[in-house]
Protein backbone atom coordinates (compact mmCIF):
# COMPACT_ATOMS: atom_id res chain seq x y z
CA MET A 1 -12.81 3.41 -14.97
CA LEU A 2 -11.64 0.90 -12.06
CA ASP A 3 -14.07 -1.68 -13.67
CA SER A 4 -10.80 -2.58 -16.03
CA ALA A 5 -8.08 -0.21 -15.02
CA LYS A 6 -5.12 -1.65 -13.70
CA ILE A 7 -2.11 0.11 -12.41
CA GLU A 8 1.25 -0.76 -13.23
CA LEU A 9 4.49 0.61 -12.04
CA ARG A 10 7.31 -0.46 -14.40
CA ASN A 11 10.51 1.31 -16.24
CA LEU A 12 9.96 3.09 -19.14
CA ARG A 13 10.37 1.49 -22.55
CA VAL A 14 11.29 3.39 -25.69
CA LYS A 15 8.10 1.61 -27.54
CA ASP A 16 6.42 3.67 -24.90
CA TYR A 17 7.20 7.02 -26.40
CA GLU A 18 4.00 7.89 -28.61
CA GLU A 19 2.04 7.22 -25.63
CA LEU A 20 4.49 9.01 -23.54
CA LYS A 21 4.61 12.04 -25.85
CA VAL A 22 0.69 12.43 -25.57
CA SER A 23 0.88 12.62 -21.94
CA MET A 24 3.85 14.90 -22.17
CA ILE A 25 1.83 17.54 -24.78
CA LYS A 26 -0.87 17.10 -22.03
CA SER A 27 1.46 17.86 -18.83
CA TYR A 28 3.90 20.42 -20.50
CA HIS A 29 1.04 23.18 -21.51
CA ALA A 30 2.20 25.52 -18.81
CA MET A 31 5.62 24.66 -18.86
CA PRO A 32 8.84 26.65 -20.41
CA HIS A 33 10.54 24.02 -21.99
CA GLU A 34 9.54 21.42 -24.97
CA TYR A 35 8.59 17.79 -24.58
CA TRP A 36 11.85 14.86 -24.68
CA THR A 37 12.36 13.12 -28.06
CA LYS A 38 12.32 9.76 -28.74
CA GLY A 39 15.88 10.54 -29.47
CA GLU A 40 16.74 11.53 -25.73
CA ILE A 41 14.09 9.14 -23.92
CA LYS A 42 16.12 6.20 -25.93
CA THR A 43 19.62 7.67 -24.68
CA LEU A 44 18.13 7.78 -20.91
CA ILE A 45 16.82 4.42 -20.89
CA ASN A 46 20.14 2.88 -22.59
CA LYS A 47 22.11 4.43 -19.99
CA PHE A 48 20.17 4.15 -17.02
CA PRO A 49 17.21 1.67 -17.28
CA GLU A 50 16.33 1.46 -13.96
CA GLY A 51 15.93 5.36 -13.31
CA GLN A 52 13.11 6.31 -15.95
CA LEU A 53 10.20 5.04 -14.06
CA CYS A 54 6.40 5.34 -15.16
CA ILE A 55 2.95 4.28 -14.26
CA VAL A 56 0.70 2.89 -16.72
CA ILE A 57 -3.33 2.53 -16.56
CA ASP A 58 -5.36 0.93 -19.43
CA ASN A 59 -2.26 1.06 -21.57
CA LYS A 60 -1.74 4.97 -21.41
CA ILE A 61 0.83 6.55 -19.68
CA ALA A 62 -0.33 8.09 -16.77
CA GLY A 63 2.88 9.76 -15.49
CA CYS A 64 6.53 9.58 -15.73
CA ALA A 65 10.02 10.34 -13.43
CA LEU A 66 13.17 10.60 -15.18
CA SER A 67 16.16 10.46 -13.26
CA ILE A 68 20.21 10.21 -13.87
CA ILE A 69 22.92 9.26 -11.51
CA VAL A 70 25.54 12.30 -11.27
CA ASP A 71 28.74 12.68 -8.95
CA TYR A 72 27.41 15.76 -7.13
CA ASP A 73 31.08 16.52 -5.52
CA LYS A 74 31.63 17.66 -9.39
CA PHE A 75 28.77 20.56 -9.18
CA ASP A 76 27.90 23.10 -7.09
CA ASP A 77 24.66 24.22 -5.74
CA ASN A 78 23.89 27.04 -8.17
CA HIS A 79 24.02 24.88 -10.92
CA THR A 80 21.41 25.27 -13.80
CA TYR A 81 18.94 22.39 -15.31
CA ASP A 82 21.00 22.21 -18.52
CA GLU A 83 24.41 22.05 -16.74
CA ILE A 84 23.01 18.97 -14.55
CA LEU A 85 21.66 17.37 -17.72
CA GLY A 86 24.85 17.47 -20.06
CA GLY A 87 23.26 18.00 -23.01
CA GLU A 88 21.26 15.59 -25.31
CA ASN A 89 23.38 12.85 -24.67
CA PHE A 90 23.61 13.25 -20.50
CA SER A 91 27.15 13.19 -20.36
CA THR A 92 26.64 13.68 -16.42
CA HIS A 93 25.30 10.66 -15.79
CA THR A 94 27.37 8.24 -14.29
CA LYS A 95 27.04 4.93 -12.89
CA ASN A 96 29.75 5.70 -10.23
CA GLY A 97 27.84 8.59 -8.95
CA ASN A 98 26.47 9.21 -5.54
CA VAL A 99 23.35 10.79 -6.06
CA LEU A 100 19.98 10.14 -7.47
CA TYR A 101 19.14 13.20 -9.77
CA GLY A 102 15.28 13.85 -11.16
CA ILE A 103 15.33 15.71 -14.18
CA ASP A 104 11.32 15.44 -14.74
CA VAL A 105 8.35 14.09 -13.09
CA PHE A 106 4.87 14.47 -14.53
CA ILE A 107 1.42 13.11 -14.25
CA HIS A 108 -1.21 13.10 -17.23
CA PRO A 109 -4.23 15.85 -16.00
CA GLU A 110 -6.53 13.07 -16.70
CA TYR A 111 -4.91 10.99 -13.77
CA ARG A 112 -4.24 13.75 -11.08
CA GLY A 113 -5.96 13.10 -8.01
CA MET A 114 -5.00 9.33 -7.58
CA ARG A 115 -1.82 10.38 -6.02
CA LEU A 116 0.35 8.73 -8.68
CA GLY A 117 2.80 11.43 -8.06
CA ARG A 118 3.35 10.48 -4.37
CA ARG A 119 3.81 6.34 -6.03
CA LEU A 120 6.35 7.83 -8.31
CA TYR A 121 8.66 9.66 -5.26
CA GLU A 122 8.33 6.55 -3.44
CA ALA A 123 9.62 4.38 -5.94
CA ARG A 124 12.49 6.85 -6.72
CA LYS A 125 13.20 6.35 -2.77
CA GLU A 126 13.16 2.63 -2.76
CA LEU A 127 15.67 3.28 -5.71
CA CYS A 128 18.11 5.36 -4.32
CA GLU A 129 18.26 2.83 -1.23
CA HIS A 130 18.68 -0.22 -3.36
CA LEU A 131 21.64 1.44 -5.54
CA ASN A 132 23.13 2.74 -2.62
CA LEU A 133 22.87 6.65 -3.32
CA LYS A 134 23.41 9.09 -0.75
CA ALA A 135 20.34 11.02 -1.70
CA ILE A 136 18.15 12.41 -4.24
CA VAL A 137 18.26 15.84 -5.65
CA PHE A 138 16.53 17.96 -8.07
CA GLY A 139 15.56 21.42 -8.93
CA GLY A 140 11.44 22.45 -8.16
CA ARG A 141 9.54 24.83 -9.71
CA ILE A 142 7.52 27.08 -7.82
CA PRO A 143 4.93 28.32 -10.44
CA ASN A 144 2.41 30.14 -7.77
CA TYR A 145 5.43 32.42 -6.80
CA ALA A 146 4.55 35.18 -9.88
CA GLU A 147 1.46 35.90 -7.81
CA TYR A 148 3.36 36.99 -4.76
CA ALA A 149 6.38 38.27 -6.06
CA ASP A 150 5.87 41.92 -5.73
CA GLU A 151 5.35 41.30 -1.90
CA LEU A 152 7.42 38.42 -1.02
CA THR A 153 10.97 37.23 -1.34
CA PRO A 154 11.60 33.37 -2.44
CA LYS A 155 12.86 33.03 1.15
CA LYS A 156 9.27 34.32 2.72
CA TYR A 157 7.33 32.55 0.22
CA ILE A 158 8.66 29.20 0.96
CA GLU A 159 8.39 29.70 4.37
CA LYS A 160 4.88 30.76 4.13
CA VAL A 161 4.58 27.83 1.73
CA LYS A 162 5.83 25.43 4.99
CA LEU A 163 3.48 26.61 7.14
CA GLN A 164 0.47 26.00 4.82
CA GLU A 165 -0.61 29.79 4.77
CA ILE A 166 0.32 29.37 0.93
CA HIS A 167 -0.07 26.59 -1.29
CA ASP A 168 2.05 25.90 -4.30
CA PRO A 169 1.25 22.85 -6.20
CA VAL A 170 4.61 21.74 -6.51
CA LEU A 171 6.57 22.62 -3.55
CA SER A 172 3.87 21.82 -1.31
CA PHE A 173 3.74 18.61 -2.73
CA GLN A 174 7.70 18.13 -2.61
CA LEU A 175 7.30 18.95 1.11
CA SER A 176 4.57 16.85 1.83
CA ASN A 177 6.75 13.51 0.64
CA ASP A 178 9.47 14.52 2.98
CA PHE A 179 11.91 16.58 0.67
CA HIS A 180 13.74 19.41 2.01
CA VAL A 181 14.66 22.86 0.26
CA LYS A 182 18.65 23.05 0.17
CA LYS A 183 18.88 25.99 -1.64
CA VAL A 184 17.36 28.82 -3.72
CA ILE A 185 18.74 28.92 -6.73
CA LYS A 186 18.28 31.71 -9.41
CA GLY A 187 18.33 30.89 -13.35
CA TYR A 188 17.82 27.25 -12.72
CA LEU A 189 15.24 26.97 -15.80
CA SER A 190 15.43 29.64 -18.36
CA GLY A 191 12.05 30.92 -19.43
CA ASP A 192 10.16 29.78 -16.15
CA TYR A 193 8.13 32.79 -15.60
CA GLU A 194 5.96 31.42 -13.23
CA SER A 195 8.56 31.01 -10.83
CA LYS A 196 10.05 34.56 -12.09
CA GLU A 197 13.68 31.47 -12.85
CA PHE A 198 13.47 30.87 -9.09
CA ALA A 199 13.88 27.27 -8.07
CA THR A 200 13.91 25.17 -5.10
CA LEU A 201 17.05 22.71 -4.59
CA MET A 202 15.07 20.02 -3.17
CA GLU A 203 16.84 16.90 -1.44
CA TRP A 204 15.89 13.68 0.02
CA ASN A 205 18.48 11.85 1.79
CA ASN A 206 19.02 8.23 2.17
CA ILE A 207 19.69 7.39 6.06
CA TYR A 208 20.11 3.46 4.81
CA TYR A 209 23.15 4.73 2.72
CA THR A 210 25.61 1.63 2.45
CA LYS A 211 23.07 -0.52 2.06
CA SER A 212 23.36 -3.69 -0.42
CA GLN A 213 22.05 -2.61 -4.54
CA LYS A 214 18.66 -4.24 -4.85
CA LEU A 215 16.53 -2.53 -7.83
CA VAL A 216 12.90 -1.06 -7.69
CA ASN A 217 9.93 -3.35 -7.89
CA THR A 218 11.54 -6.45 -6.18
CA THR A 219 9.66 -8.23 -3.60
CA LYS A 220 10.24 -6.66 -0.17
CA THR A 221 11.63 -8.55 2.84
CA VAL A 222 10.77 -6.22 5.34
CA VAL A 223 6.60 -5.64 5.14
CA ARG A 224 4.72 -3.38 7.16
CA LEU A 225 1.69 -4.28 8.28
CA GLY A 226 -1.50 -2.02 9.62
CA LEU A 227 -4.58 -3.64 11.54
CA VAL A 228 -7.72 -1.91 12.29
CA GLN A 229 -9.45 -2.64 15.66
CA TRP A 230 -12.52 -1.01 14.46
CA GLN A 231 -14.94 0.30 16.80
CA MET A 232 -18.59 -1.02 16.15
CA ARG A 233 -21.04 2.14 16.32
CA LEU A 234 -24.18 3.44 14.52
CA PHE A 235 -23.55 5.31 11.57
CA LYS A 236 -25.84 7.64 10.28
CA ASP A 237 -25.58 6.67 6.77
CA TYR A 238 -23.32 4.59 4.25
CA GLU A 239 -21.16 7.88 3.77
CA ALA A 240 -20.35 8.18 7.30
CA LEU A 241 -19.05 4.26 7.19
CA VAL A 242 -17.19 5.16 4.24
CA SER A 243 -15.27 8.08 5.86
CA GLN A 244 -14.38 6.09 9.00
CA ILE A 245 -12.68 3.61 6.54
CA GLU A 246 -10.99 6.18 4.52
CA PHE A 247 -10.05 7.75 8.04
CA PHE A 248 -8.09 4.56 8.99
CA VAL A 249 -6.54 3.62 5.24
CA ASP A 250 -5.32 7.55 5.34
CA ALA A 251 -3.68 7.10 8.84
CA VAL A 252 -2.09 3.51 8.31
CA SER A 253 -0.93 4.66 4.92
CA ASN A 254 0.80 7.92 5.68
CA TYR A 255 3.10 5.52 7.80
CA GLN A 256 3.98 3.75 4.38
CA SER A 257 2.56 0.73 5.24
CA ASP A 258 2.21 -1.92 2.69
CA PHE A 259 -1.40 -3.68 3.95
CA ILE A 260 -4.19 -3.04 5.92
CA MET A 261 -6.53 -5.24 7.48
CA PHE A 262 -10.07 -4.61 8.49
CA PRO A 263 -12.40 -7.18 10.89
CA GLU A 264 -14.86 -9.50 9.89
CA LEU A 265 -18.34 -8.02 8.76
CA PHE A 266 -17.09 -4.67 10.27
CA ASN A 267 -19.83 -2.97 8.39
CA ALA A 268 -22.60 -4.62 10.41
CA PRO A 269 -23.77 -0.96 11.99
CA LEU A 270 -25.46 -0.79 8.20
CA MET A 271 -27.60 -3.73 9.50
CA ALA A 272 -29.55 -1.07 11.92
CA GLN A 273 -31.86 0.01 9.12
CA PHE A 274 -32.97 -3.31 8.36
CA ASN A 275 -33.66 -4.48 11.98
CA HIS A 276 -37.49 -4.31 11.39
CA LEU A 277 -36.91 -7.74 9.20
CA THR A 278 -36.09 -11.02 10.13
CA GLU A 279 -32.38 -11.87 10.59
CA PRO A 280 -31.79 -13.54 7.00
CA GLU A 281 -33.64 -10.59 5.27
CA ALA A 282 -31.48 -8.34 7.34
CA ILE A 283 -28.21 -9.97 6.45
CA ARG A 284 -29.50 -9.53 2.65
CA GLY A 285 -30.13 -6.21 3.02
CA LEU A 286 -26.43 -5.73 4.10
CA SER A 287 -25.26 -7.45 0.95
CA ASP A 288 -26.59 -4.98 -1.28
CA TYR A 289 -23.72 -2.73 0.06
CA THR A 290 -21.29 -5.24 -0.87
CA GLU A 291 -20.18 -4.31 -4.72
CA ARG A 292 -20.24 -0.78 -3.37
CA LEU A 293 -17.36 -1.27 -0.80
CA LEU A 294 -15.46 -3.34 -3.02
CA GLU A 295 -15.32 -0.26 -5.74
CA THR A 296 -14.44 2.02 -2.65
CA PHE A 297 -11.90 -0.39 -1.15
CA ARG A 298 -10.29 -0.42 -5.17
CA GLU A 299 -10.15 3.34 -5.20
CA PHE A 300 -8.67 3.95 -1.86
CA ALA A 301 -5.76 1.00 -2.68
CA ILE A 302 -4.92 2.81 -5.50
CA ASN A 303 -5.25 6.43 -4.14
CA TYR A 304 -3.41 5.82 -0.56
CA ASN A 305 -0.94 3.35 -2.54
CA ILE A 306 -1.55 0.47 0.06
CA ASN A 307 -3.06 -3.26 -0.15
CA ILE A 308 -6.08 -3.83 1.38
CA ILE A 309 -7.51 -7.08 3.17
CA THR A 310 -11.20 -5.73 3.47
CA GLY A 311 -12.10 -8.22 6.41
CA SER A 312 -15.59 -9.56 5.37
CA MET A 313 -18.87 -8.62 4.19
CA PRO A 314 -22.10 -10.82 3.05
CA PHE A 315 -22.50 -11.97 -0.44
CA PRO A 316 -25.45 -13.17 -2.47
CA GLU A 317 -24.96 -15.91 -4.93
CA GLY A 318 -28.41 -17.22 -6.10
CA GLU A 319 -30.40 -18.16 -3.02
CA HIS A 320 -27.16 -18.88 -0.87
CA MET A 321 -25.36 -16.14 1.23
CA TYR A 322 -21.68 -16.21 1.34
CA ASN A 323 -19.23 -14.60 4.19
CA VAL A 324 -16.75 -12.89 1.71
CA GLY A 325 -14.07 -10.50 1.69
CA PHE A 326 -11.60 -8.92 -0.98
CA LEU A 327 -7.76 -8.46 -1.44
CA CYS A 328 -7.40 -4.96 -3.21
CA ARG A 329 -4.07 -4.41 -4.50
CA ARG A 330 -2.39 -0.88 -4.90
CA ASP A 331 -1.77 -1.89 -8.90
CA GLY A 332 -5.90 -1.84 -9.05
CA SER A 333 -6.39 -5.72 -9.27
CA TYR A 334 -8.32 -7.58 -6.65
CA GLU A 335 -9.22 -11.14 -5.65
CA ARG A 336 -11.93 -12.75 -3.83
CA TYR A 337 -11.71 -14.80 -0.65
CA GLU A 338 -14.22 -16.97 1.20
CA LYS A 339 -15.06 -18.36 4.82
CA LEU A 340 -15.11 -21.78 4.48
CA HIS A 341 -16.25 -23.10 7.76
CA ILE A 342 -19.88 -21.02 9.04
CA THR A 343 -20.13 -21.47 12.77
CA PRO A 344 -23.63 -22.59 13.78
CA ALA A 345 -24.78 -18.99 14.89
CA GLU A 346 -23.85 -17.80 11.46
CA GLU A 347 -26.08 -20.72 9.73
CA THR A 348 -29.09 -20.61 12.30
CA ALA A 349 -29.17 -16.72 12.26
CA TRP A 350 -28.49 -15.90 8.52
CA GLY A 351 -28.43 -19.04 6.59
CA MET A 352 -25.04 -18.73 5.80
CA LYS A 353 -23.01 -21.47 3.64
CA GLY A 354 -19.33 -22.32 3.39
CA GLY A 355 -17.53 -21.08 0.70
CA ASN A 356 -15.19 -23.59 -1.59
CA LYS A 357 -12.06 -20.74 -2.35
CA LEU A 358 -9.04 -21.57 -0.85
CA GLU A 359 -5.85 -20.02 -2.20
CA THR A 360 -2.62 -17.95 -1.85
CA PHE A 361 -2.46 -14.43 -3.03
CA ASP A 362 0.48 -13.02 -5.08
CA THR A 363 1.35 -9.59 -4.02
CA ASP A 364 4.46 -6.97 -4.22
CA CYS A 365 5.34 -8.24 -0.49
CA GLY A 366 5.38 -12.13 -1.93
CA LYS A 367 2.71 -14.76 -1.09
CA ILE A 368 -0.28 -14.22 1.44
CA GLY A 369 -3.28 -16.20 2.52
CA VAL A 370 -6.52 -15.08 4.43
CA LEU A 371 -8.76 -17.06 6.60
CA ILE A 372 -11.86 -15.45 7.91
CA CYS A 373 -12.26 -15.92 11.75
CA TYR A 374 -13.08 -19.66 12.42
CA ASP A 375 -11.31 -20.97 9.60
CA ILE A 376 -8.24 -20.43 11.82
CA GLU A 377 -9.36 -23.26 14.09
CA PHE A 378 -8.78 -25.85 10.93
CA PRO A 379 -5.26 -26.14 10.71
CA GLU A 380 -5.20 -28.29 7.47
CA VAL A 381 -6.33 -25.40 5.56
CA ALA A 382 -3.30 -22.96 6.74
CA ARG A 383 -0.98 -26.21 6.39
CA ILE A 384 -2.28 -25.84 2.52
CA LEU A 385 -1.68 -22.20 2.20
CA ALA A 386 2.11 -22.62 3.20
CA GLU A 387 3.00 -25.11 1.32
CA GLU A 388 1.94 -23.06 -1.64
CA GLY A 389 4.52 -20.49 -0.14
CA MET A 390 2.47 -18.36 1.96
CA ASN A 391 4.65 -16.13 4.31
CA ILE A 392 1.85 -13.97 6.18
CA LEU A 393 -1.40 -15.29 6.97
CA PHE A 394 -3.89 -12.53 7.63
CA VAL A 395 -7.45 -13.52 9.69
CA PRO A 396 -10.07 -10.86 10.26
CA PHE A 397 -12.49 -12.16 12.91
CA MET A 398 -15.76 -11.33 15.06
CA THR A 399 -16.12 -12.66 18.56
CA ASP A 400 -18.67 -11.82 21.04
CA THR A 401 -16.87 -12.86 24.00
CA GLN A 402 -13.50 -13.63 25.37
CA ASN A 403 -13.62 -17.42 25.29
CA GLY A 404 -14.76 -17.04 21.39
CA TYR A 405 -11.58 -14.74 20.92
CA SER A 406 -9.11 -16.66 22.90
CA ARG A 407 -10.15 -19.65 20.52
CA VAL A 408 -8.78 -17.47 17.55
CA LYS A 409 -5.68 -16.30 19.04
CA ILE A 410 -4.62 -19.54 20.48
CA CYS A 411 -5.49 -21.58 17.55
CA ALA A 412 -3.82 -18.73 15.16
CA GLN A 413 -0.42 -18.78 17.32
CA ALA A 414 -0.71 -22.54 16.80
CA ARG A 415 -0.54 -21.80 12.90
CA ALA A 416 2.42 -19.58 13.22
CA VAL A 417 3.92 -22.18 14.77
CA GLU A 418 3.37 -25.08 12.78
CA ASN A 419 3.66 -23.02 8.91
CA GLU A 420 6.63 -20.80 10.17
CA CYS A 421 4.78 -17.79 9.14
CA TYR A 422 3.46 -14.45 10.43
CA VAL A 423 -0.30 -14.54 11.28
CA ALA A 424 -1.84 -11.37 11.86
CA ILE A 425 -5.48 -11.14 13.64
CA ALA A 426 -7.58 -8.10 13.58
CA GLY A 427 -11.24 -7.73 15.27
CA SER A 428 -13.97 -5.19 16.14
CA VAL A 429 -14.79 -4.00 19.92
CA GLY A 430 -17.69 -2.09 21.26
CA ASN A 431 -21.59 -3.13 20.60
CA LEU A 432 -24.75 -2.63 18.47
CA PRO A 433 -27.15 -2.18 20.58
CA LYS A 434 -29.66 -1.87 17.59
CA VAL A 435 -28.68 -4.88 15.40
CA ASP A 436 -29.98 -8.36 15.97
CA ASN A 437 -27.04 -11.13 16.68
CA MET A 438 -24.35 -8.33 16.51
CA ASP A 439 -24.86 -7.18 20.29
CA ILE A 440 -21.44 -7.13 21.98
CA GLN A 441 -17.84 -7.68 20.52
CA TYR A 442 -14.61 -8.45 21.99
CA ALA A 443 -10.93 -8.36 20.19
CA GLN A 444 -7.33 -7.92 21.03
CA SER A 445 -5.88 -7.53 17.53
CA ALA A 446 -2.06 -8.87 16.93
CA VAL A 447 0.48 -10.01 14.71
CA LEU A 448 1.93 -13.41 15.67
CA THR A 449 5.18 -15.41 15.26
CA PRO A 450 6.74 -18.66 15.15
CA SER A 451 8.71 -19.22 18.22
CA ASP A 452 12.27 -19.44 18.16
CA PHE A 453 15.36 -17.22 19.28
CA ALA A 454 14.69 -15.03 16.13
CA PHE A 455 11.39 -13.94 17.25
CA PRO A 456 9.47 -12.89 20.48
CA VAL A 457 9.71 -15.62 23.27
CA ASN A 458 5.97 -15.01 23.75
CA GLY A 459 5.49 -15.56 19.86
CA ILE A 460 3.50 -12.12 19.87
CA LYS A 461 5.13 -9.49 17.73
CA ALA A 462 2.93 -6.79 18.89
CA GLU A 463 -1.01 -6.93 20.03
CA ALA A 464 -3.39 -3.94 20.43
CA THR A 465 -4.93 -2.78 24.10
CA PRO A 466 -8.01 -4.82 24.36
CA ASN A 467 -11.45 -3.64 23.51
CA THR A 468 -10.05 -0.37 22.48
CA GLU A 469 -10.83 1.34 18.76
CA SER A 470 -6.98 1.41 17.79
CA THR A 471 -4.63 0.67 14.76
CA LEU A 472 -1.50 -1.70 15.22
CA LEU A 473 1.59 -0.97 13.07
CA VAL A 474 4.05 -4.06 12.71
CA ASP A 475 6.85 -4.50 10.84
CA VAL A 476 7.64 -8.03 9.87
CA ASP A 477 11.18 -9.87 8.24
CA LEU A 478 10.27 -12.42 5.86
CA ASP A 479 14.06 -13.72 6.08
CA LEU A 480 13.89 -14.40 9.31
CA LEU A 481 11.39 -16.98 8.06
CA LYS A 482 13.99 -18.14 5.59
CA GLU A 483 16.50 -18.61 8.42
CA LEU A 484 13.99 -20.56 10.63
CA HIS A 485 13.10 -23.04 7.99
CA ASN A 486 16.81 -23.86 7.31
CA TYR A 487 18.55 -23.47 10.83
CA GLY A 488 15.53 -22.90 13.41
CA SER A 489 15.55 -25.16 16.54
CA VAL A 490 12.88 -27.14 15.25
CA ARG A 491 11.82 -27.50 11.56
CA ASN A 492 8.19 -28.01 11.67
CA LYS A 493 7.64 -27.76 7.59
CA LYS A 494 10.64 -30.09 6.99
CA ASP A 495 10.26 -32.50 9.52
CA ARG A 496 6.54 -33.83 8.87
CA ARG A 497 6.22 -37.53 8.55
CA LYS A 498 5.05 -37.60 4.86
CA ASP A 499 6.02 -41.71 4.65
CA LEU A 500 3.50 -42.01 7.10
CA TYR A 501 0.89 -39.26 6.53
CA SER A 502 -0.26 -36.58 3.86
CA LEU A 503 -2.49 -33.52 3.32
CA LYS A 504 -3.91 -32.51 -0.45
CA ARG A 505 -6.95 -30.79 -1.86
CA LYS A 506 -10.13 -32.91 -3.29
CA LYS A 507 -11.03 -32.03 -6.62
């Protein structure tokens, strides 16, 4: 499916109704109410377009979340679903309300297991924050309760679900997404026999209440970066390597990171099986895994809702071997970046060639650039990316000695100052005694900043412990770059003497 699929989270449109109806019919087979009519959907969109969210995959509605804004002070916690709706005209909705009330959410059965529900919930949370609302509230079903109703009260059932002694497909999911049970309501949804007509009144509190308004799907200004300082170790097979990759993606995504970056040639342990071959043959053997890894990373980007910088991998084109990586966006799309400058060791040992692709990439967190290891030591390429709007530069690297690492770090710090951008560097640690030309590794992953009053005095936002496998989670504020560009103590980008010199691409 991923060969052609693109995941899009956007606001629902009236013209989506026929596809929406198909998904509702598939999703509501066990539900006690009929699907929404086209008139009701049209009314919701007309009254509150921002609150009607959907996920589209291959032009199909894979999931949907519907909401209204209510003045919750006018309602008792013992309200029913029909009371909160206010009839087919949704008369309870008011733009002057204080709570985002969720009236429906569903995922088409064919797309379950892709964590799309989590993505819709996160979008609702962003909308609640951006509209400056106090909380998200909704009545949640407990569809497995009927199986335990003879022995457990609703209170005891909820406690056991919280302790994970019982799994409820709805309540367990809601609890895992930071909602808490505010109250148990009897008679909330008439005909919900699976829940014995009980419901949990769920709530998520907006701790940023009073922030300025901002609608969903706008570019973020505070971006969370996750860097993997990867331990080089031998893996028994490809699946073991993928399991370690997923461990880090899962862990970093649990902190709501926007990006995760792996180091250069992090998959080198798989070369152990080719150690009987010459070095050029071994790297070509490793390249056989690149396409599989790309598809794996694309799936993880979607399932864990995170943009992935895949480090780098060998990639054959004809007779030549290139060192490339991929930006796998969380919407399912991807881009390739290439190492432009090849070190003498890469050329002599593996026969690597330098690539020709240099470009910035659009993401939901603004424009980014990626330079692989040695490329960061050439200031021209980073300056070209900065001129094209790059705010964050990612540098996956692999260095064997501390002086090699120092070249990467010192040059990366210089690029951050010169180009008024953030630079994130991530490398590998440990050793690979059974892989030729990959014996030892040295790294200290870090996020580097410009040097001015709004930033750390040493230009280092955060750095990992040297030569220890770990992750580094760092928030960077893009608005600080705008202030620096216009009001900084020095203005490196603005003060260049273009009357004396210039930098431009060759065609």
